[in-house]
């Protein structure tokens, strides 16, 4: 089993950050987490918990939304990255796949993939080799490579966004809500590809995901966010077996599966916020 404390190099470390929007709205309140090299780390929580804001704080995409990190530190390989622009972070090996499957709709699938190699300087042959690597993980994209991206399905657009990120030859991918809006079978397929890329290419993942069940099945370590705070963390297997996580996030209890209506008072009852 994956153990984040078993001598793994820590690639990304967030230490007690606060994020404020519009100078007044406090969204993250002392968030700390670490992402070990070669792992799949899951950032879990409901809508509005602060998952996307955490990823954007890392990739320095907050300023476009009038947000800023006002306290704390974000380090990658021991170096502060808070002042870096997103393009410099990509060159450093950190890239974010945005929520909502953002593709260049007027370009073909293959043209979209090639835009991911824009910052590379290792020549056409290396780029062509990596394009074939991407197609090996996403055979559906090879079938659709000449199709205009805007006319592909939601699942294909998610694959395209992930494949484009891979074309930058990243060390770490920040993956935001990969399951959003996809059918369960496609969600399973996307996470199988994440696992394959992690194991086959050694790419480290930090993924924000509302689907706690699947994230804890494929992730190695998890952090649960509530209202901008980390309220629980641990190895994925331990979180899956935790009774509070089972009840409030997986819809299970000692009495069996519960509906959201049965557990919606959890904010008043959660032991970890007491």
Protein backbone atom coordinates (compact mmCIF):
# COMPACT_ATOMS: atom_id res chain seq x y z
CA UNK A 1 0.00 0.00 0.00
CA UNK A 2 1.09 3.52 -0.71
CA UNK A 3 2.48 5.29 2.36
CA UNK A 4 3.07 9.04 2.11
CA UNK A 5 5.50 8.85 5.03
CA UNK A 6 7.60 5.99 3.64
CA UNK A 7 10.45 8.04 2.28
CA UNK A 8 8.63 9.47 -0.72
CA UNK A 9 9.94 12.77 -1.94
CA UNK A 10 7.47 15.58 -1.31
CA UNK A 11 6.95 17.50 -4.55
CA UNK A 12 4.31 19.99 -3.51
CA UNK A 13 3.78 21.43 -0.05
CA UNK A 14 1.10 23.87 1.02
CA UNK A 15 1.57 25.36 4.46
CA UNK A 16 -1.29 27.15 6.22
CA UNK A 17 -2.53 29.24 3.28
CA UNK A 18 -5.42 31.67 3.33
CA UNK A 19 -7.14 32.88 0.16
CA UNK A 20 -9.30 35.98 -0.06
CA UNK A 21 -11.47 37.07 -2.99
CA UNK A 22 -12.27 40.72 -3.67
CA UNK A 23 -10.26 41.71 -0.56
CA UNK A 24 -13.08 40.61 1.75
CA UNK A 25 -14.27 37.02 1.13
CA UNK A 26 -12.17 34.49 3.03
CA UNK A 27 -12.36 31.20 1.13
CA UNK A 28 -9.42 29.11 2.39
CA UNK A 29 -8.67 29.21 6.11
CA UNK A 30 -5.29 27.75 6.98
CA UNK A 31 -5.13 24.90 4.46
CA UNK A 32 -2.05 22.67 4.66
CA UNK A 33 -1.29 19.57 2.60
CA UNK A 34 1.58 17.75 0.93
CA UNK A 35 1.74 15.82 -2.33
CA UNK A 36 4.38 13.06 -2.57
CA UNK A 37 6.14 12.27 -5.83
CA UNK A 38 4.52 9.51 -7.83
CA UNK A 39 1.25 9.43 -5.91
CA UNK A 40 -2.41 10.19 -6.52
CA UNK A 41 -3.54 12.59 -3.81
CA UNK A 42 -7.27 13.34 -3.59
CA UNK A 43 -8.73 16.64 -2.42
CA UNK A 44 -12.30 15.86 -1.39
CA UNK A 45 -15.36 17.77 -0.29
CA UNK A 46 -18.68 19.11 -1.45
CA UNK A 47 -19.40 21.97 -3.79
CA UNK A 48 -17.98 25.21 -2.34
CA UNK A 49 -15.58 23.46 0.05
CA UNK A 50 -12.55 25.19 -1.49
CA UNK A 51 -11.10 22.42 -3.69
CA UNK A 52 -10.88 24.43 -6.92
CA UNK A 53 -9.57 27.49 -5.07
CA UNK A 54 -6.78 25.34 -3.63
CA UNK A 55 -5.74 24.15 -7.09
CA UNK A 56 -5.87 27.67 -8.51
CA UNK A 57 -3.77 28.94 -5.61
CA UNK A 58 -1.10 26.41 -6.60
CA UNK A 59 -1.24 27.18 -10.32
CA UNK A 60 -1.48 30.96 -9.76
CA UNK A 61 -4.78 31.36 -11.58
CA UNK A 62 -6.47 33.28 -8.75
CA UNK A 63 -5.65 36.78 -9.94
CA UNK A 64 -7.96 36.54 -12.95
CA UNK A 65 -10.83 36.06 -10.46
CA UNK A 66 -9.67 38.79 -8.04
CA UNK A 67 -8.37 36.24 -5.57
CA UNK A 68 -5.02 36.15 -3.78
CA UNK A 69 -3.08 34.09 -1.27
CA UNK A 70 -2.76 36.38 1.75
CA UNK A 71 -1.03 34.04 4.21
CA UNK A 72 1.04 30.89 4.18
CA UNK A 73 3.43 29.36 1.65
CA UNK A 74 3.30 27.12 -1.41
CA UNK A 75 6.50 25.28 -2.31
CA UNK A 76 7.35 22.95 -5.17
CA UNK A 77 10.50 20.87 -4.72
CA UNK A 78 11.31 23.12 -1.79
CA UNK A 79 11.11 26.34 -3.80
CA UNK A 80 8.39 28.99 -3.38
CA UNK A 81 6.13 29.21 -6.43
CA UNK A 82 3.61 31.85 -5.35
CA UNK A 83 5.21 34.54 -7.50
CA UNK A 84 5.50 32.38 -10.63
CA UNK A 85 3.16 32.93 -13.57
CA UNK A 86 1.24 29.88 -14.86
CA UNK A 87 3.45 29.51 -17.97
CA UNK A 88 6.59 29.32 -15.82
CA UNK A 89 4.91 26.69 -13.66
CA UNK A 90 4.18 24.59 -16.75
CA UNK A 91 7.87 24.74 -17.67
CA UNK A 92 8.63 23.66 -14.10
CA UNK A 93 6.41 20.63 -14.60
CA UNK A 94 3.13 21.68 -12.93
CA UNK A 95 -0.01 21.98 -15.05
CA UNK A 96 -3.70 22.26 -14.19
CA UNK A 97 -6.56 20.60 -16.05
CA UNK A 98 -9.43 22.97 -15.43
CA UNK A 99 -12.90 22.01 -14.30
CA UNK A 100 -15.37 21.93 -17.17
CA UNK A 101 -13.26 20.27 -19.90
CA UNK A 102 -11.88 23.45 -21.47
CA UNK A 103 -10.87 22.79 -25.07
CA UNK A 104 -10.32 25.04 -28.07
CA UNK A 105 -13.64 24.22 -29.69
CA UNK A 106 -12.72 25.43 -33.19
CA UNK A 107 -9.54 23.30 -33.33
CA UNK A 108 -9.39 19.59 -34.03
CA UNK A 109 -8.67 17.13 -31.26
CA UNK A 110 -5.11 16.67 -32.50
CA UNK A 111 -4.53 20.42 -32.78
CA UNK A 112 -5.75 20.76 -29.19
CA UNK A 113 -3.27 18.11 -28.07
CA UNK A 114 -0.41 19.81 -29.88
CA UNK A 115 -1.10 23.11 -28.12
CA UNK A 116 -0.02 21.33 -24.94
CA UNK A 117 3.51 21.05 -26.36
CA UNK A 118 3.76 24.78 -27.07
CA UNK A 119 6.35 25.46 -24.34
CA UNK A 120 8.56 22.50 -25.23
CA UNK A 121 11.95 22.91 -26.88
CA UNK A 122 12.95 19.28 -27.43
CA UNK A 123 12.01 19.10 -31.12
CA UNK A 124 9.29 17.72 -33.36
CA UNK A 125 10.35 14.10 -33.08
CA UNK A 126 9.93 14.09 -29.30
CA UNK A 127 6.55 15.82 -29.61
CA UNK A 128 5.40 13.29 -32.22
CA UNK A 129 6.52 10.46 -29.96
CA UNK A 130 4.53 11.88 -27.05
CA UNK A 131 1.48 12.34 -29.26
CA UNK A 132 1.53 8.60 -29.90
CA UNK A 133 1.99 8.05 -26.16
CA UNK A 134 -1.15 10.11 -25.50
CA UNK A 135 -3.07 8.16 -28.13
CA UNK A 136 -1.98 4.92 -26.45
CA UNK A 137 -3.73 6.05 -23.24
CA UNK A 138 -6.66 7.64 -25.08
CA UNK A 139 -7.37 5.47 -28.14
CA UNK A 140 -10.72 7.22 -28.56
CA UNK A 141 -8.85 10.49 -29.22
CA UNK A 142 -6.89 8.85 -32.03
CA UNK A 143 -10.17 7.83 -33.64
CA UNK A 144 -11.46 11.40 -33.30
CA UNK A 145 -8.19 13.23 -33.95
CA UNK A 146 -9.47 15.07 -37.05
CA UNK A 147 -12.81 16.00 -35.46
CA UNK A 148 -13.48 19.53 -34.27
CA UNK A 149 -13.19 19.42 -30.48
CA UNK A 150 -16.38 21.41 -29.95
CA UNK A 151 -18.40 18.62 -31.58
CA UNK A 152 -17.01 15.78 -29.47
CA UNK A 153 -18.73 14.31 -26.41
CA UNK A 154 -18.15 15.45 -22.84
CA UNK A 155 -16.05 12.38 -22.11
CA UNK A 156 -13.94 12.93 -25.21
CA UNK A 157 -13.41 16.57 -24.26
CA UNK A 158 -12.26 15.52 -20.78
CA UNK A 159 -9.82 13.09 -22.39
CA UNK A 160 -8.65 15.82 -24.74
CA UNK A 161 -7.98 18.23 -21.85
CA UNK A 162 -6.03 15.55 -19.99
CA UNK A 163 -4.11 14.52 -23.11
CA UNK A 164 -3.19 18.13 -23.82
CA UNK A 165 -1.77 18.40 -20.29
CA UNK A 166 0.29 15.25 -20.85
CA UNK A 167 1.77 16.77 -24.02
CA UNK A 168 3.57 19.35 -21.85
CA UNK A 169 5.52 16.47 -20.28
CA UNK A 170 4.39 17.38 -16.74
CA UNK A 171 5.74 16.04 -13.50
CA UNK A 172 2.54 16.96 -11.63
CA UNK A 173 -1.02 17.37 -12.90
CA UNK A 174 -3.63 19.29 -10.91
CA UNK A 175 -6.88 17.67 -12.05
CA UNK A 176 -10.09 19.52 -11.20
CA UNK A 177 -13.38 17.58 -10.99
CA UNK A 178 -12.67 15.01 -13.75
CA UNK A 179 -15.98 13.22 -13.11
CA UNK A 180 -18.22 16.29 -13.42
CA UNK A 181 -21.12 15.77 -15.80
CA UNK A 182 -19.98 12.35 -17.00
CA UNK A 183 -21.85 9.05 -16.95
CA UNK A 184 -20.63 6.56 -14.31
CA UNK A 185 -19.07 4.26 -16.92
CA UNK A 186 -17.07 7.16 -18.36
CA UNK A 187 -16.00 8.29 -14.89
CA UNK A 188 -14.58 4.82 -14.25
CA UNK A 189 -12.77 4.96 -17.59
CA UNK A 190 -11.26 8.40 -16.83
CA UNK A 191 -9.96 7.23 -13.44
CA UNK A 192 -8.53 4.05 -14.98
CA UNK A 193 -6.56 6.30 -17.36
CA UNK A 194 -5.37 8.46 -14.43
CA UNK A 195 -4.13 5.28 -12.73
CA UNK A 196 -2.43 4.05 -15.92
CA UNK A 197 -0.69 7.39 -16.53
CA UNK A 198 0.39 7.56 -12.88
CA UNK A 199 1.88 4.06 -13.02
CA UNK A 200 3.14 4.12 -16.61
CA UNK A 201 4.56 7.64 -16.86
CA UNK A 202 5.23 8.37 -13.18
CA UNK A 203 3.04 11.49 -13.28
CA UNK A 204 2.00 12.78 -9.85
CA UNK A 205 -1.67 13.77 -9.48
CA UNK A 206 -3.45 16.12 -7.12
CA UNK A 207 -7.10 15.75 -8.00
CA UNK A 208 -10.07 17.69 -6.67
CA UNK A 209 -13.18 15.55 -6.72
CA UNK A 210 -16.70 15.57 -5.29
CA UNK A 211 -17.14 11.86 -6.05
CA UNK A 212 -15.51 10.67 -2.83
CA UNK A 213 -16.19 7.01 -3.51
CA UNK A 214 -14.22 6.75 -6.75
CA UNK A 215 -11.51 9.19 -5.63
CA UNK A 216 -10.74 7.05 -2.58
CA UNK A 217 -10.71 3.89 -4.69
CA UNK A 218 -8.06 5.24 -7.06
CA UNK A 219 -6.24 7.70 -4.81
CA UNK A 220 -3.46 6.85 -2.39
CA UNK A 221 -4.01 9.61 0.16
CA UNK A 222 -6.90 11.99 0.76
CA UNK A 223 -7.69 15.36 2.31
CA UNK A 224 -11.27 16.34 3.12
CA UNK A 225 -12.14 20.03 2.90
CA UNK A 226 -15.13 21.66 4.58
CA UNK A 227 -15.78 25.40 4.34
CA UNK A 228 -12.20 26.16 3.38
CA UNK A 229 -10.54 24.02 6.06
CA UNK A 230 -8.94 20.56 6.03
CA UNK A 231 -11.07 18.61 8.50
CA UNK A 232 -9.59 15.15 7.97
CA UNK A 233 -6.77 13.47 6.07
CA UNK A 234 -5.20 10.04 5.83
CA UNK A 235 -4.42 7.10 3.55
CA UNK A 236 -7.30 6.43 1.16
CA UNK A 237 -7.96 2.97 2.57
CA UNK A 238 -8.27 4.36 6.12
CA UNK A 239 -10.62 7.12 4.97
CA UNK A 240 -12.81 4.58 3.15
CA UNK A 241 -13.21 2.68 6.42
CA UNK A 242 -13.72 5.74 8.62
CA UNK A 243 -17.32 5.69 9.95
CA UNK A 244 -17.77 9.47 9.59
CA UNK A 245 -16.55 9.43 5.99
CA UNK A 246 -18.77 6.43 5.27
CA UNK A 247 -21.82 8.20 6.63
CA UNK A 248 -21.31 11.75 5.42
CA UNK A 249 -19.50 11.23 2.12
CA UNK A 250 -20.13 7.67 1.00
CA UNK A 251 -23.76 7.54 2.14
CA UNK A 252 -23.20 4.50 4.34
CA UNK A 253 -23.62 3.81 8.05
CA UNK A 254 -23.88 0.80 10.34
CA UNK A 255 -27.55 0.67 9.38
CA UNK A 256 -26.74 0.60 5.66
CA UNK A 257 -26.94 3.21 2.93
CA UNK A 258 -28.42 6.58 3.86
CA UNK A 259 -29.90 9.23 1.64
CA UNK A 260 -28.69 12.82 1.67
CA UNK A 261 -31.94 13.80 3.39
CA UNK A 262 -31.06 11.46 6.27
CA UNK A 263 -27.59 12.93 6.78
CA UNK A 264 -27.99 16.56 5.75
CA UNK A 265 -27.76 17.66 9.40
CA UNK A 266 -24.17 16.40 9.43
CA UNK A 267 -22.75 19.93 9.79
CA UNK A 268 -24.21 20.08 13.29
CA UNK A 269 -23.16 16.56 14.23
CA UNK A 270 -19.70 16.01 12.78
CA UNK A 271 -17.28 15.01 15.50
CA UNK A 272 -14.23 16.34 13.66
CA UNK A 273 -15.56 19.93 13.73
CA UNK A 274 -16.45 19.79 17.42
